[in-house]
Amino acid sequence: MKKDLIISSIFRIISYTIFLIIIGIFATIIIEGVQYFSIDFFTKYPSNGMTEGGIWPAILGSLIMISLTLLFALPIGILTGIFLAEFGRNTRLARILDTAITSLSGVPSIVYGLFGLSLFSVTLGFKTSILSGSLTLAVMTLPIIASSVKEALSSLPGTLRESALALGAKKTEVIYKILVPASKNRIITAVLIGMGRVIGETAPVLLTGAVFYSTYFPSNIMQPVMTLPTHIYYITIAYGRDAQWMAKGSSAFLLLIIIAIYSIAFAFRRKSNG
């Protein structure tokens, strides 16, 4: 009994220590960055060698990239999750897909970037563009959405399916009119978690869809854009202290966005469990 108490106390101390370290990192980034927030910072283009102006094109580029990523990833991810949970149960194809999805979830983002560069930018000829970047991010997001949808549907009680089928409903009607609506909070959570991951990715976008600096609004998806993570990366490695303020402000803004996304996802998860 005493041994269990000691072990429990050690793990509790470790957990609190890790939590405080994370909070300290977040607080440092945010406190150092928010002092540079202003209307000009969010609405102007960078100027004078990235030492003046704002991050408007990076914000716009991130919004465009994430929107297209979700447009590509959501339908395929949700349908894959539905297939694994409802249509392909205990089939060989489902087992192969499930293993592939689990494996892809642990692949480093740089590998996705190299894959996107090889397939979308070079082989398919999309070059460095919004399309290449968003397709690469969509491939990254698919495993998260598919596995989450599968888990959400699988967690529903079997009586829900059996009751609807007993009343004469078709299987597709049961899925799309009963099961999916019943799992909507968990599906929304999966989408938000996917967004939270890809909005902060640098390597895949850097290799497939990002440009160092842009002074124009992209007229089509075959053009590259600035994004917040790549903007932070570029100004950090290419400029000295004169541009550090922009890197700090951009980092704080990006971190606040990610925290907001995960907070909303956590709220939906609690709602689905409650």
Protein backbone atom coordinates (compact mmCIF):
# COMPACT_ATOMS: atom_id res chain seq x y z
CA MET A 1 0.00 0.00 0.00
CA LYS A 2 2.81 2.39 0.94
CA LYS A 3 4.72 1.42 -2.22
CA ASP A 4 1.66 2.22 -4.39
CA LEU A 5 1.31 5.60 -2.69
CA ILE A 6 4.98 6.45 -3.36
CA ILE A 7 4.73 5.42 -7.03
CA SER A 8 1.49 7.38 -7.42
CA SER A 9 3.09 10.46 -5.85
CA ILE A 10 6.12 10.22 -8.15
CA PHE A 11 3.95 10.05 -11.26
CA ARG A 12 1.83 12.92 -9.98
CA ILE A 13 4.94 15.08 -9.46
CA ILE A 14 6.24 14.20 -12.94
CA SER A 15 2.86 15.06 -14.49
CA TYR A 16 2.67 18.41 -12.71
CA THR A 17 6.26 19.21 -13.68
CA ILE A 18 5.61 18.49 -17.36
CA PHE A 19 2.40 20.52 -17.21
CA LEU A 20 4.20 23.50 -15.65
CA ILE A 21 6.98 23.32 -18.25
CA ILE A 22 4.43 23.37 -21.09
CA ILE A 23 2.54 26.26 -19.49
CA GLY A 24 5.84 28.11 -19.04
CA ILE A 25 6.77 27.68 -22.71
CA PHE A 26 3.32 28.80 -23.87
CA ALA A 27 3.30 31.77 -21.51
CA THR A 28 6.77 32.90 -22.62
CA ILE A 29 5.87 32.78 -26.33
CA ILE A 30 2.55 34.56 -25.83
CA ILE A 31 3.81 37.25 -23.43
CA GLU A 32 6.78 38.09 -25.65
CA GLY A 33 4.63 38.14 -28.80
CA VAL A 34 1.35 39.88 -27.89
CA GLN A 35 3.13 43.17 -27.26
CA TYR A 36 3.60 43.46 -31.03
CA PHE A 37 -0.08 42.91 -31.84
CA SER A 38 -1.72 45.85 -33.59
CA ILE A 39 -4.11 46.55 -36.45
CA ASP A 40 -1.16 47.16 -38.78
CA PHE A 41 0.47 43.90 -37.69
CA PHE A 42 -2.57 41.92 -38.81
CA THR A 43 -3.54 43.92 -41.91
CA LYS A 44 -0.32 45.00 -43.63
CA TYR A 45 2.22 43.26 -45.85
CA PRO A 46 5.81 42.79 -44.60
CA SER A 47 8.13 45.53 -45.80
CA ASN A 48 11.68 46.84 -45.55
CA GLY A 49 13.32 43.43 -45.51
CA MET A 50 10.73 41.86 -43.19
CA THR A 51 11.60 44.34 -40.44
CA GLU A 52 8.39 46.38 -40.77
CA GLY A 53 4.75 45.92 -41.75
CA GLY A 54 2.59 42.95 -40.81
CA ILE A 55 1.60 39.36 -41.46
CA TRP A 56 -1.58 39.76 -43.50
CA PRO A 57 -0.46 37.62 -46.50
CA ALA A 58 0.65 34.83 -44.14
CA ILE A 59 -2.74 34.85 -42.38
CA LEU A 60 -4.58 34.83 -45.69
CA GLY A 61 -2.37 32.05 -47.08
CA SER A 62 -2.94 29.87 -44.01
CA LEU A 63 -6.71 30.33 -44.27
CA ILE A 64 -6.72 29.38 -47.95
CA MET A 65 -4.47 26.36 -47.37
CA ILE A 66 -6.49 25.03 -44.43
CA SER A 67 -9.82 25.55 -46.22
CA LEU A 68 -8.69 23.57 -49.26
CA THR A 69 -7.13 20.91 -47.05
CA LEU A 70 -10.46 20.31 -45.30
CA LEU A 71 -12.29 20.37 -48.62
CA PHE A 72 -10.11 17.50 -49.85
CA ALA A 73 -9.72 15.55 -46.60
CA LEU A 74 -13.19 15.67 -45.03
CA PRO A 75 -15.24 13.69 -47.58
CA ILE A 76 -12.63 10.95 -48.02
CA GLY A 77 -11.79 10.77 -44.31
CA ILE A 78 -15.43 10.56 -43.18
CA LEU A 79 -16.34 7.98 -45.85
CA THR A 80 -13.29 5.88 -44.97
CA GLY A 81 -14.23 5.95 -41.29
CA ILE A 82 -17.81 4.93 -42.11
CA PHE A 83 -16.56 2.06 -44.28
CA LEU A 84 -14.24 0.77 -41.55
CA ALA A 85 -16.91 0.97 -38.84
CA GLU A 86 -20.01 -0.15 -40.72
CA PHE A 87 -19.46 -1.72 -44.13
CA GLY A 88 -16.04 -3.34 -43.91
CA ARG A 89 -16.11 -4.81 -40.42
CA ASN A 90 -13.92 -7.93 -40.09
CA THR A 91 -12.99 -7.88 -43.78
CA ARG A 92 -9.44 -8.17 -45.05
CA LEU A 93 -9.63 -4.80 -46.81
CA ALA A 94 -10.74 -3.11 -43.58
CA ARG A 95 -7.87 -4.66 -41.64
CA ILE A 96 -5.37 -3.50 -44.26
CA LEU A 97 -6.85 0.01 -44.28
CA ASP A 98 -6.90 0.16 -40.50
CA THR A 99 -3.25 -0.87 -40.29
CA ALA A 100 -2.30 1.67 -42.96
CA ILE A 101 -4.15 4.48 -41.18
CA THR A 102 -2.53 3.63 -37.85
CA SER A 103 0.90 3.57 -39.49
CA LEU A 104 0.36 6.85 -41.33
CA SER A 105 -0.61 8.59 -38.10
CA GLY A 106 2.96 8.22 -36.86
CA VAL A 107 4.77 9.29 -40.03
CA PRO A 108 6.90 12.46 -39.55
CA SER A 109 5.64 15.54 -41.37
CA ILE A 110 8.85 15.89 -43.40
CA VAL A 111 8.10 12.51 -45.01
CA TYR A 112 4.68 13.80 -46.06
CA GLY A 113 6.40 16.86 -47.45
CA LEU A 114 8.78 14.78 -49.56
CA PHE A 115 5.87 12.62 -50.72
CA GLY A 116 3.87 15.71 -51.73
CA LEU A 117 6.89 17.20 -53.48
CA SER A 118 7.47 14.02 -55.47
CA LEU A 119 3.84 13.26 -56.37
CA PHE A 120 1.96 16.55 -56.55
CA SER A 121 4.67 19.10 -57.34
CA VAL A 122 6.83 17.04 -59.72
CA THR A 123 4.96 13.99 -61.07
CA LEU A 124 1.55 15.64 -61.48
CA GLY A 125 3.10 18.98 -62.44
CA PHE A 126 1.36 21.14 -59.82
CA LYS A 127 4.73 22.69 -58.90
CA THR A 128 4.98 24.85 -55.78
CA SER A 129 1.36 25.87 -55.34
CA ILE A 130 -1.63 26.10 -53.04
CA LEU A 131 -2.97 22.92 -54.65
CA SER A 132 0.19 20.91 -53.96
CA GLY A 133 0.39 22.17 -50.38
CA SER A 134 -3.27 21.55 -49.54
CA LEU A 135 -3.25 18.06 -51.09
CA THR A 136 -0.17 17.17 -49.06
CA LEU A 137 -1.79 18.45 -45.86
CA ALA A 138 -4.99 16.58 -46.76
CA VAL A 139 -3.04 13.31 -46.94
CA MET A 140 -1.66 14.13 -43.47
CA THR A 141 -5.12 14.83 -42.08
CA LEU A 142 -6.87 11.76 -43.53
CA PRO A 143 -5.67 9.25 -40.89
CA ILE A 144 -6.82 11.51 -38.03
CA ILE A 145 -10.30 12.02 -39.46
CA ALA A 146 -10.80 8.42 -40.64
CA SER A 147 -9.72 6.81 -37.36
CA SER A 148 -11.75 9.28 -35.27
CA VAL A 149 -14.92 8.73 -37.32
CA LYS A 150 -14.44 4.97 -37.05
CA GLU A 151 -14.04 5.15 -33.27
CA ALA A 152 -17.03 7.47 -32.94
CA LEU A 153 -19.34 5.14 -34.87
CA SER A 154 -17.97 2.00 -33.20
CA SER A 155 -18.62 3.45 -29.75
CA LEU A 156 -22.36 3.79 -30.39
CA PRO A 157 -24.53 1.07 -28.80
CA GLY A 158 -25.48 -1.80 -31.09
CA THR A 159 -29.12 -1.47 -30.05
CA LEU A 160 -29.27 1.84 -31.95
CA ARG A 161 -28.55 0.03 -35.22
CA GLU A 162 -30.70 -2.99 -34.43
CA SER A 163 -33.74 -0.91 -33.48
CA ALA A 164 -33.60 1.14 -36.68
CA LEU A 165 -33.09 -1.94 -38.87
CA ALA A 166 -35.95 -3.71 -37.11
CA LEU A 167 -38.24 -0.83 -38.07
CA GLY A 168 -37.42 -1.41 -41.73
CA ALA A 169 -34.78 1.25 -42.30
CA LYS A 170 -32.05 0.53 -44.83
CA LYS A 171 -28.46 0.29 -43.64
CA THR A 172 -27.46 3.47 -45.48
CA GLU A 173 -30.38 5.32 -43.90
CA VAL A 174 -29.37 4.08 -40.45
CA ILE A 175 -25.82 5.30 -40.99
CA TYR A 176 -26.46 8.72 -42.50
CA LYS A 177 -29.69 9.62 -40.67
CA ILE A 178 -29.05 8.11 -37.24
CA LEU A 179 -25.45 7.06 -36.56
CA VAL A 180 -23.59 9.99 -38.14
CA PRO A 181 -25.83 12.64 -36.49
CA ALA A 182 -25.41 10.82 -33.17
CA SER A 183 -21.63 11.02 -33.61
CA LYS A 184 -21.48 14.60 -34.90
CA ASN A 185 -19.72 16.03 -31.83
CA ARG A 186 -16.93 13.47 -32.05
CA ILE A 187 -16.63 13.99 -35.80
CA ILE A 188 -16.37 17.76 -35.28
CA THR A 189 -13.71 17.06 -32.64
CA ALA A 190 -11.75 14.99 -35.18
CA VAL A 191 -11.93 17.77 -37.75
CA LEU A 192 -10.71 20.35 -35.23
CA ILE A 193 -7.84 18.13 -34.10
CA GLY A 194 -6.84 17.68 -37.73
CA MET A 195 -6.95 21.45 -38.23
CA GLY A 196 -4.90 22.01 -35.11
CA ARG A 197 -2.20 19.73 -36.43
CA VAL A 198 -1.90 20.96 -40.00
CA ILE A 199 -2.21 24.70 -39.30
CA GLY A 200 1.12 24.60 -37.51
CA GLU A 201 2.96 22.39 -40.02
CA THR A 202 6.03 23.85 -41.68
CA ALA A 203 7.92 21.12 -43.57
CA PRO A 204 5.13 19.85 -45.88
CA VAL A 205 4.06 23.37 -46.90
CA LEU A 206 7.65 24.56 -47.18
CA LEU A 207 8.37 21.84 -49.76
CA THR A 208 5.12 22.03 -51.73
CA GLY A 209 3.20 25.29 -51.45
CA ALA A 210 5.01 28.13 -49.68
CA VAL A 211 6.71 31.21 -51.02
CA PHE A 212 9.16 33.40 -49.12
CA TYR A 213 7.35 36.67 -49.82
CA SER A 214 4.22 37.66 -51.71
CA THR A 215 2.86 41.11 -52.55
CA TYR A 216 -0.30 39.96 -54.31
CA PHE A 217 -3.47 38.02 -53.61
CA PRO A 218 -3.22 34.60 -55.34
CA SER A 219 -5.54 34.53 -58.34
CA ASN A 220 -5.72 30.72 -58.53
CA ILE A 221 -4.70 27.60 -56.61
CA MET A 222 -1.72 26.98 -58.89
CA GLN A 223 0.19 29.85 -57.24
CA PRO A 224 2.19 29.60 -53.99
CA VAL A 225 1.30 31.53 -50.83
CA MET A 226 2.84 32.66 -47.58
CA THR A 227 1.67 30.79 -44.47
CA LEU A 228 2.23 31.56 -40.80
CA PRO A 229 4.54 28.61 -39.97
CA THR A 230 6.73 29.06 -43.06
CA HIS A 231 6.80 32.83 -42.54
CA ILE A 232 8.12 32.31 -39.00
CA TYR A 233 10.70 29.84 -40.31
CA TYR A 234 11.92 32.12 -43.09
CA ILE A 235 12.34 35.25 -41.00
CA THR A 236 13.97 33.28 -38.18
CA ILE A 237 16.73 31.81 -40.35
CA ALA A 238 17.17 34.64 -42.86
CA TYR A 239 17.08 37.77 -40.70
CA GLY A 240 18.75 39.00 -37.56
CA ARG A 241 17.46 40.84 -34.54
CA ASP A 242 15.66 43.46 -36.62
CA ALA A 243 13.02 40.90 -37.62
CA GLN A 244 12.79 39.00 -34.34
CA TRP A 245 9.81 41.04 -33.23
CA MET A 246 7.81 39.82 -36.24
CA ALA A 247 8.78 36.21 -35.56
CA LYS A 248 7.71 36.57 -31.92
CA GLY A 249 4.40 38.21 -32.82
CA SER A 250 3.67 35.61 -35.51
CA SER A 251 4.54 32.74 -33.16
CA ALA A 252 2.26 34.09 -30.43
CA PHE A 253 -0.61 34.56 -32.88
CA LEU A 254 -0.21 31.05 -34.34
CA LEU A 255 0.00 29.51 -30.87
CA LEU A 256 -3.17 31.32 -29.76
CA ILE A 257 -5.00 30.00 -32.83
CA ILE A 258 -3.89 26.42 -32.10
CA ILE A 259 -4.88 26.74 -28.43
CA ALA A 260 -8.30 28.07 -29.46
CA ILE A 261 -8.84 25.21 -31.93
CA TYR A 262 -7.90 22.54 -29.38
CA SER A 263 -10.01 24.22 -26.70
CA ILE A 264 -13.06 24.06 -28.96
CA ALA A 265 -12.23 20.43 -29.81
CA PHE A 266 -11.99 19.62 -26.10
CA ALA A 267 -15.37 21.27 -25.49
CA PHE A 268 -17.00 19.16 -28.21
CA ARG A 269 -15.36 16.02 -26.83
CA ARG A 270 -16.69 16.74 -23.35
CA LYS A 271 -20.13 17.38 -24.83
CA SER A 272 -20.07 14.05 -26.67
CA ASN A 273 -18.99 12.22 -23.49
CA GLY A 274 -21.45 14.08 -21.30
